[in-house]
Amino acid sequence: MREPIVSTKQFEFYFPDLDTRVLVEECEDEVVVSATRNAFSELRKIFFVRELAAEGFIPDEYQGFSGFGAMTWLRVRWLVDTSWVKANEVQAALARRFMMRLFVSATLLWFVLMTALFLR
């Protein structure tokens, strides 16, 4: 279970090549990164944290982030967690309508083809 995090800033990212969404939360004394899948290597996680700092999403001192070991003074917590992801109701309604139209069209096409087959 995830403990409550009091964050000051939140940013969401999507990596289509990994099919992974990432939520970055800057807290008082640490940065919490929640990913929907465990798709990042250790080196890619480090570079991602550095890039976040370079782009201004998290404090600049994280540009020198060197890893997740106990010896680092920069606290970054990397979680694999899907509890923060919420379904988009508009997209779900559009997908549902598309699938219903597709199913009805396929059924009508099947009936037309079967009728043509048996009426010969």
N, C-alpha and C. Protein backbone atom coordinates (compact mmCIF):
# COMPACT_ATOMS: atom_id res chain seq x y z
N MET A 1 0.85 -1.18 0.00
CA MET A 1 0.00 0.00 0.00
C MET A 1 0.88 1.23 0.00
N ARG A 2 0.48 2.20 -0.72
CA ARG A 2 1.25 3.43 -0.86
C ARG A 2 0.90 4.40 0.26
N GLU A 3 1.91 4.94 0.91
CA GLU A 3 1.64 5.91 1.96
C GLU A 3 1.35 7.27 1.34
N PRO A 4 0.58 8.12 2.00
CA PRO A 4 0.24 9.41 1.42
C PRO A 4 1.48 10.29 1.24
N ILE A 5 1.53 10.94 0.10
CA ILE A 5 2.65 11.82 -0.23
C ILE A 5 2.10 13.22 -0.38
N VAL A 6 2.73 14.17 0.32
CA VAL A 6 2.34 15.56 0.19
C VAL A 6 3.29 16.17 -0.84
N SER A 7 2.78 16.41 -2.04
CA SER A 7 3.64 16.92 -3.09
C SER A 7 3.32 18.38 -3.37
N THR A 8 4.34 19.08 -3.80
CA THR A 8 4.16 20.48 -4.15
C THR A 8 3.91 20.64 -5.64
N LYS A 9 4.53 19.76 -6.46
CA LYS A 9 4.34 19.81 -7.91
C LYS A 9 4.18 18.39 -8.45
N GLN A 10 3.36 18.24 -9.49
CA GLN A 10 3.16 16.94 -10.14
C GLN A 10 3.24 17.13 -11.64
N PHE A 11 3.90 16.17 -12.30
CA PHE A 11 4.02 16.18 -13.76
C PHE A 11 3.80 14.76 -14.26
N GLU A 12 3.06 14.65 -15.37
CA GLU A 12 2.82 13.34 -15.97
C GLU A 12 3.53 13.27 -17.31
N PHE A 13 4.10 12.09 -17.60
CA PHE A 13 4.78 11.84 -18.86
C PHE A 13 4.30 10.51 -19.41
N TYR A 14 4.37 10.38 -20.73
CA TYR A 14 4.02 9.12 -21.38
C TYR A 14 5.14 8.73 -22.34
N PHE A 15 5.57 7.48 -22.26
CA PHE A 15 6.60 6.94 -23.13
C PHE A 15 5.95 5.89 -24.02
N PRO A 16 5.57 6.26 -25.26
CA PRO A 16 4.84 5.33 -26.12
C PRO A 16 5.66 4.10 -26.51
N ASP A 17 6.98 4.24 -26.65
CA ASP A 17 7.78 3.08 -27.03
C ASP A 17 7.83 2.03 -25.92
N LEU A 18 7.62 2.45 -24.67
CA LEU A 18 7.59 1.53 -23.54
C LEU A 18 6.16 1.26 -23.04
N ASP A 19 5.19 1.98 -23.60
CA ASP A 19 3.80 1.93 -23.15
C ASP A 19 3.72 2.13 -21.64
N THR A 20 4.37 3.20 -21.19
CA THR A 20 4.47 3.48 -19.75
C THR A 20 4.14 4.94 -19.48
N ARG A 21 3.30 5.13 -18.47
CA ARG A 21 3.03 6.48 -17.98
C ARG A 21 3.81 6.69 -16.70
N VAL A 22 4.29 7.92 -16.51
CA VAL A 22 5.13 8.24 -15.36
C VAL A 22 4.58 9.49 -14.70
N LEU A 23 4.44 9.45 -13.38
CA LEU A 23 4.04 10.60 -12.58
C LEU A 23 5.22 11.00 -11.72
N VAL A 24 5.64 12.26 -11.83
CA VAL A 24 6.75 12.78 -11.04
C VAL A 24 6.17 13.77 -10.03
N GLU A 25 6.46 13.52 -8.75
CA GLU A 25 5.98 14.38 -7.68
C GLU A 25 7.18 14.92 -6.91
N GLU A 26 7.25 16.23 -6.82
CA GLU A 26 8.30 16.86 -6.03
C GLU A 26 7.75 17.12 -4.63
N CYS A 27 8.34 16.46 -3.64
CA CYS A 27 7.92 16.63 -2.26
C CYS A 27 8.92 17.52 -1.54
N GLU A 28 8.73 17.67 -0.25
CA GLU A 28 9.59 18.57 0.52
C GLU A 28 11.05 18.15 0.51
N ASP A 29 11.32 16.85 0.72
CA ASP A 29 12.71 16.40 0.84
C ASP A 29 13.07 15.31 -0.15
N GLU A 30 12.20 14.98 -1.10
CA GLU A 30 12.48 13.93 -2.05
C GLU A 30 11.66 14.11 -3.32
N VAL A 31 12.02 13.35 -4.32
CA VAL A 31 11.27 13.29 -5.57
C VAL A 31 10.75 11.86 -5.69
N VAL A 32 9.44 11.72 -5.94
CA VAL A 32 8.82 10.42 -6.08
C VAL A 32 8.41 10.25 -7.53
N VAL A 33 8.89 9.17 -8.15
CA VAL A 33 8.57 8.86 -9.54
C VAL A 33 7.74 7.58 -9.52
N SER A 34 6.50 7.66 -10.00
CA SER A 34 5.61 6.49 -10.07
C SER A 34 5.40 6.13 -11.53
N ALA A 35 5.80 4.91 -11.89
CA ALA A 35 5.64 4.42 -13.26
C ALA A 35 4.59 3.33 -13.28
N THR A 36 3.89 3.21 -14.41
CA THR A 36 2.86 2.19 -14.51
C THR A 36 3.43 0.81 -14.81
N ARG A 37 4.65 0.74 -15.30
CA ARG A 37 5.31 -0.53 -15.60
C ARG A 37 6.78 -0.43 -15.21
N ASN A 38 7.39 -1.57 -14.96
CA ASN A 38 8.81 -1.61 -14.64
C ASN A 38 9.59 -1.75 -15.94
N ALA A 39 9.60 -0.69 -16.75
CA ALA A 39 10.17 -0.73 -18.09
C ALA A 39 11.48 0.03 -18.21
N PHE A 40 11.93 0.68 -17.16
CA PHE A 40 13.14 1.48 -17.20
C PHE A 40 14.31 0.70 -16.60
N SER A 41 15.45 0.75 -17.27
CA SER A 41 16.66 0.18 -16.69
C SER A 41 17.18 1.16 -15.63
N GLU A 42 18.11 0.69 -14.83
CA GLU A 42 18.67 1.54 -13.77
C GLU A 42 19.33 2.79 -14.37
N LEU A 43 20.07 2.61 -15.45
CA LEU A 43 20.75 3.74 -16.10
C LEU A 43 19.74 4.71 -16.69
N ARG A 44 18.68 4.20 -17.29
CA ARG A 44 17.67 5.08 -17.88
C ARG A 44 16.92 5.87 -16.79
N LYS A 45 16.71 5.26 -15.64
CA LYS A 45 16.10 5.98 -14.52
C LYS A 45 16.98 7.15 -14.10
N ILE A 46 18.28 6.92 -13.99
CA ILE A 46 19.22 7.98 -13.59
C ILE A 46 19.20 9.11 -14.61
N PHE A 47 19.26 8.77 -15.89
CA PHE A 47 19.24 9.80 -16.93
C PHE A 47 17.90 10.54 -16.96
N PHE A 48 16.81 9.85 -16.67
CA PHE A 48 15.50 10.50 -16.64
C PHE A 48 15.45 11.54 -15.51
N VAL A 49 15.97 11.18 -14.34
CA VAL A 49 15.99 12.13 -13.21
C VAL A 49 16.86 13.33 -13.56
N ARG A 50 18.00 13.10 -14.18
CA ARG A 50 18.88 14.21 -14.59
C ARG A 50 18.19 15.11 -15.61
N GLU A 51 17.48 14.50 -16.56
CA GLU A 51 16.78 15.28 -17.57
C GLU A 51 15.65 16.11 -16.96
N LEU A 52 14.95 15.53 -15.99
CA LEU A 52 13.91 16.30 -15.29
C LEU A 52 14.49 17.55 -14.65
N ALA A 53 15.67 17.40 -14.04
CA ALA A 53 16.32 18.55 -13.41
C ALA A 53 16.79 19.56 -14.46
N ALA A 54 17.34 19.07 -15.56
CA ALA A 54 17.82 19.97 -16.61
C ALA A 54 16.69 20.77 -17.24
N GLU A 55 15.51 20.16 -17.32
CA GLU A 55 14.36 20.84 -17.92
C GLU A 55 13.58 21.69 -16.92
N GLY A 56 13.94 21.64 -15.65
CA GLY A 56 13.30 22.50 -14.66
C GLY A 56 12.08 21.91 -13.96
N PHE A 57 11.84 20.63 -14.14
CA PHE A 57 10.69 20.01 -13.47
C PHE A 57 10.97 19.76 -11.99
N ILE A 58 12.20 19.47 -11.66
CA ILE A 58 12.62 19.25 -10.27
C ILE A 58 13.84 20.14 -10.01
N PRO A 59 14.27 20.32 -8.76
CA PRO A 59 15.38 21.22 -8.46
C PRO A 59 16.67 20.88 -9.21
N ASP A 60 17.46 21.90 -9.48
CA ASP A 60 18.68 21.76 -10.28
C ASP A 60 19.73 20.84 -9.67
N GLU A 61 19.75 20.69 -8.35
CA GLU A 61 20.78 19.84 -7.74
C GLU A 61 20.65 18.38 -8.15
N TYR A 62 19.50 17.99 -8.69
CA TYR A 62 19.31 16.61 -9.15
C TYR A 62 20.02 16.34 -10.49
N GLN A 63 20.62 17.35 -11.11
CA GLN A 63 21.40 17.12 -12.32
C GLN A 63 22.63 16.27 -12.03
N GLY A 64 23.07 16.26 -10.79
CA GLY A 64 24.21 15.44 -10.39
C GLY A 64 23.80 14.11 -9.79
N PHE A 65 22.55 13.72 -9.95
CA PHE A 65 22.06 12.46 -9.39
C PHE A 65 22.85 11.29 -9.96
N SER A 66 23.33 10.40 -9.09
CA SER A 66 24.20 9.33 -9.55
C SER A 66 23.64 7.93 -9.30
N GLY A 67 22.53 7.80 -8.64
CA GLY A 67 21.96 6.47 -8.44
C GLY A 67 21.05 6.40 -7.24
N PHE A 68 20.51 5.21 -7.04
CA PHE A 68 19.53 4.98 -5.99
C PHE A 68 20.12 4.34 -4.75
N GLY A 69 21.42 4.31 -4.62
CA GLY A 69 22.06 3.70 -3.46
C GLY A 69 21.84 4.51 -2.19
N ALA A 70 22.22 3.91 -1.07
CA ALA A 70 22.02 4.55 0.23
C ALA A 70 23.01 5.69 0.46
N MET A 71 24.07 5.77 -0.34
CA MET A 71 25.11 6.77 -0.12
C MET A 71 24.78 8.13 -0.74
N THR A 72 23.73 8.23 -1.50
CA THR A 72 23.40 9.49 -2.15
C THR A 72 22.60 10.40 -1.21
N TRP A 73 22.84 11.68 -1.27
CA TRP A 73 22.12 12.63 -0.42
C TRP A 73 20.87 13.14 -1.12
N LEU A 74 20.72 12.88 -2.41
CA LEU A 74 19.52 13.26 -3.15
C LEU A 74 18.52 12.11 -3.07
N ARG A 75 17.38 12.37 -2.51
CA ARG A 75 16.40 11.29 -2.31
C ARG A 75 15.44 11.23 -3.49
N VAL A 76 15.47 10.10 -4.20
CA VAL A 76 14.55 9.81 -5.28
C VAL A 76 13.96 8.44 -5.01
N ARG A 77 12.64 8.38 -4.97
CA ARG A 77 11.96 7.11 -4.76
C ARG A 77 11.26 6.73 -6.07
N TRP A 78 11.59 5.55 -6.60
CA TRP A 78 11.02 5.08 -7.86
C TRP A 78 10.05 3.95 -7.54
N LEU A 79 8.77 4.15 -7.89
CA LEU A 79 7.73 3.17 -7.59
C LEU A 79 7.10 2.66 -8.88
N VAL A 80 6.68 1.41 -8.87
CA VAL A 80 5.83 0.88 -9.93
C VAL A 80 4.44 0.81 -9.33
N ASP A 81 3.57 1.73 -9.79
CA ASP A 81 2.28 1.92 -9.14
C ASP A 81 1.27 2.41 -10.18
N THR A 82 0.11 1.80 -10.22
CA THR A 82 -0.93 2.22 -11.16
C THR A 82 -2.14 2.86 -10.47
N SER A 83 -2.06 3.08 -9.17
CA SER A 83 -3.22 3.60 -8.44
C SER A 83 -3.54 5.05 -8.81
N TRP A 84 -2.60 5.78 -9.34
CA TRP A 84 -2.82 7.19 -9.68
C TRP A 84 -3.42 7.37 -11.08
N VAL A 85 -3.45 6.31 -11.89
CA VAL A 85 -3.97 6.40 -13.26
C VAL A 85 -5.49 6.36 -13.22
N LYS A 86 -6.11 7.30 -13.90
CA LYS A 86 -7.56 7.36 -13.96
C LYS A 86 -8.00 7.20 -15.41
N ALA A 87 -9.10 6.50 -15.61
CA ALA A 87 -9.62 6.29 -16.95
C ALA A 87 -10.22 7.58 -17.49
N ASN A 88 -10.01 7.81 -18.77
CA ASN A 88 -10.56 8.98 -19.43
C ASN A 88 -11.94 8.60 -19.96
N GLU A 89 -12.99 9.16 -19.39
CA GLU A 89 -14.37 8.79 -19.74
C GLU A 89 -14.73 9.16 -21.17
N VAL A 90 -14.19 10.26 -21.68
CA VAL A 90 -14.49 10.69 -23.05
C VAL A 90 -13.91 9.68 -24.03
N GLN A 91 -12.67 9.29 -23.83
CA GLN A 91 -12.05 8.31 -24.72
C GLN A 91 -12.74 6.95 -24.62
N ALA A 92 -13.15 6.57 -23.43
CA ALA A 92 -13.85 5.30 -23.26
C ALA A 92 -15.18 5.31 -24.02
N ALA A 93 -15.91 6.42 -23.98
CA ALA A 93 -17.18 6.52 -24.70
C ALA A 93 -16.96 6.47 -26.21
N LEU A 94 -15.93 7.15 -26.70
CA LEU A 94 -15.62 7.11 -28.13
C LEU A 94 -15.24 5.70 -28.58
N ALA A 95 -14.44 5.02 -27.78
CA ALA A 95 -14.04 3.66 -28.12
C ALA A 95 -15.23 2.71 -28.10
N ARG A 96 -16.10 2.87 -27.13
CA ARG A 96 -17.29 2.02 -27.03
C ARG A 96 -18.19 2.22 -28.25
N ARG A 97 -18.40 3.47 -28.66
CA ARG A 97 -19.24 3.76 -29.82
C ARG A 97 -18.62 3.19 -31.09
N PHE A 98 -17.30 3.34 -31.25
CA PHE A 98 -16.62 2.79 -32.41
C PHE A 98 -16.76 1.27 -32.47
N MET A 99 -16.57 0.61 -31.34
CA MET A 99 -16.66 -0.86 -31.31
C MET A 99 -18.09 -1.32 -31.61
N MET A 100 -19.09 -0.62 -31.14
CA MET A 100 -20.48 -1.00 -31.44
C MET A 100 -20.76 -0.86 -32.94
N ARG A 101 -20.30 0.23 -33.54
CA ARG A 101 -20.48 0.41 -34.99
C ARG A 101 -19.75 -0.68 -35.77
N LEU A 102 -18.54 -1.00 -35.33
CA LEU A 102 -17.76 -2.05 -35.99
C LEU A 102 -18.47 -3.40 -35.89
N PHE A 103 -18.99 -3.73 -34.72
CA PHE A 103 -19.70 -4.99 -34.53
C PHE A 103 -20.97 -5.06 -35.38
N VAL A 104 -21.74 -4.00 -35.40
CA VAL A 104 -22.98 -3.97 -36.20
C VAL A 104 -22.64 -4.07 -37.68
N SER A 105 -21.64 -3.35 -38.14
CA SER A 105 -21.24 -3.41 -39.56
C SER A 105 -20.76 -4.80 -39.94
N ALA A 106 -19.96 -5.43 -39.09
CA ALA A 106 -19.47 -6.77 -39.38
C ALA A 106 -20.61 -7.77 -39.42
N THR A 107 -21.58 -7.63 -38.53
CA THR A 107 -22.74 -8.51 -38.51
C THR A 107 -23.56 -8.34 -39.78
N LEU A 108 -23.82 -7.11 -40.19
CA LEU A 108 -24.57 -6.86 -41.42
C LEU A 108 -23.84 -7.41 -42.64
N LEU A 109 -22.55 -7.23 -42.70
CA LEU A 109 -21.76 -7.76 -43.81
C LEU A 109 -21.83 -9.29 -43.83
N TRP A 110 -21.77 -9.91 -42.67
CA TRP A 110 -21.87 -11.37 -42.60
C TRP A 110 -23.22 -11.85 -43.12
N PHE A 111 -24.31 -11.18 -42.72
CA PHE A 111 -25.64 -11.55 -43.20
C PHE A 111 -25.76 -11.38 -44.71
N VAL A 112 -25.21 -10.31 -45.24
CA VAL A 112 -25.26 -10.08 -46.70
C VAL A 112 -24.48 -11.17 -47.42
N LEU A 113 -23.31 -11.52 -46.94
CA LEU A 113 -22.51 -12.55 -47.58
C LEU A 113 -23.18 -13.92 -47.49
N MET A 114 -23.76 -14.25 -46.34
CA MET A 114 -24.46 -15.52 -46.18
C MET A 114 -25.69 -15.59 -47.07
N THR A 115 -26.41 -14.48 -47.18
CA THR A 115 -27.58 -14.44 -48.07
C THR A 115 -27.15 -14.65 -49.51
N ALA A 116 -26.09 -13.99 -49.93
CA ALA A 116 -25.59 -14.14 -51.29
C ALA A 116 -25.11 -15.56 -51.54
N LEU A 117 -24.55 -16.20 -50.57
CA LEU A 117 -24.06 -17.57 -50.71
C LEU A 117 -25.19 -18.56 -50.87
N PHE A 118 -26.25 -18.42 -50.06
CA PHE A 118 -27.34 -19.39 -50.09
C PHE A 118 -28.37 -19.12 -51.16
N LEU A 119 -28.44 -17.94 -51.71
CA LEU A 119 -29.40 -17.65 -52.78
C LEU A 119 -28.89 -18.01 -54.15
N ARG A 120 -27.68 -18.43 -54.28
CA ARG A 120 -27.13 -18.85 -55.58
C ARG A 120 -27.69 -20.15 -55.97
